[in-house]
């Protein structure tokens, strides 16, 4: 597979994963407001993004490998995620965005905790 196609697959998977999560939030909001048909519409769209689009793209990209490789990949991603959240918290604090800084700090701690779990499993 060409590097450009691989990058396009990664971008597509990131987009599908984001819209899946986004549509789940939209569906939950619609349910809270008792807009049942709208909630169902968002839920179905989210499910298609996850179970059809993302799955097919991930298979084509060879995303899932053996368990040890999957753990190493997850560790690399979680370490990068923890570093990203740490930087975001620092920047949000500097900008006076304290609620965002607190959220980023919480996410950094969660990523670090998940890293420990992956390390133990590896």
Foldseek 3Di string as FASTA:
>chain_A
DDPVVLVVLVVLLVVLVVLLVVLQVVLVVCVVVPVNVSSVVSNVSSCCSPPPVNVVSCVVSVVDDDPVVVLVVLLVVLVVLLVVLCVVLVVCVVVVVNVSNVVSNVSSVVSVVVSVVSVVVD
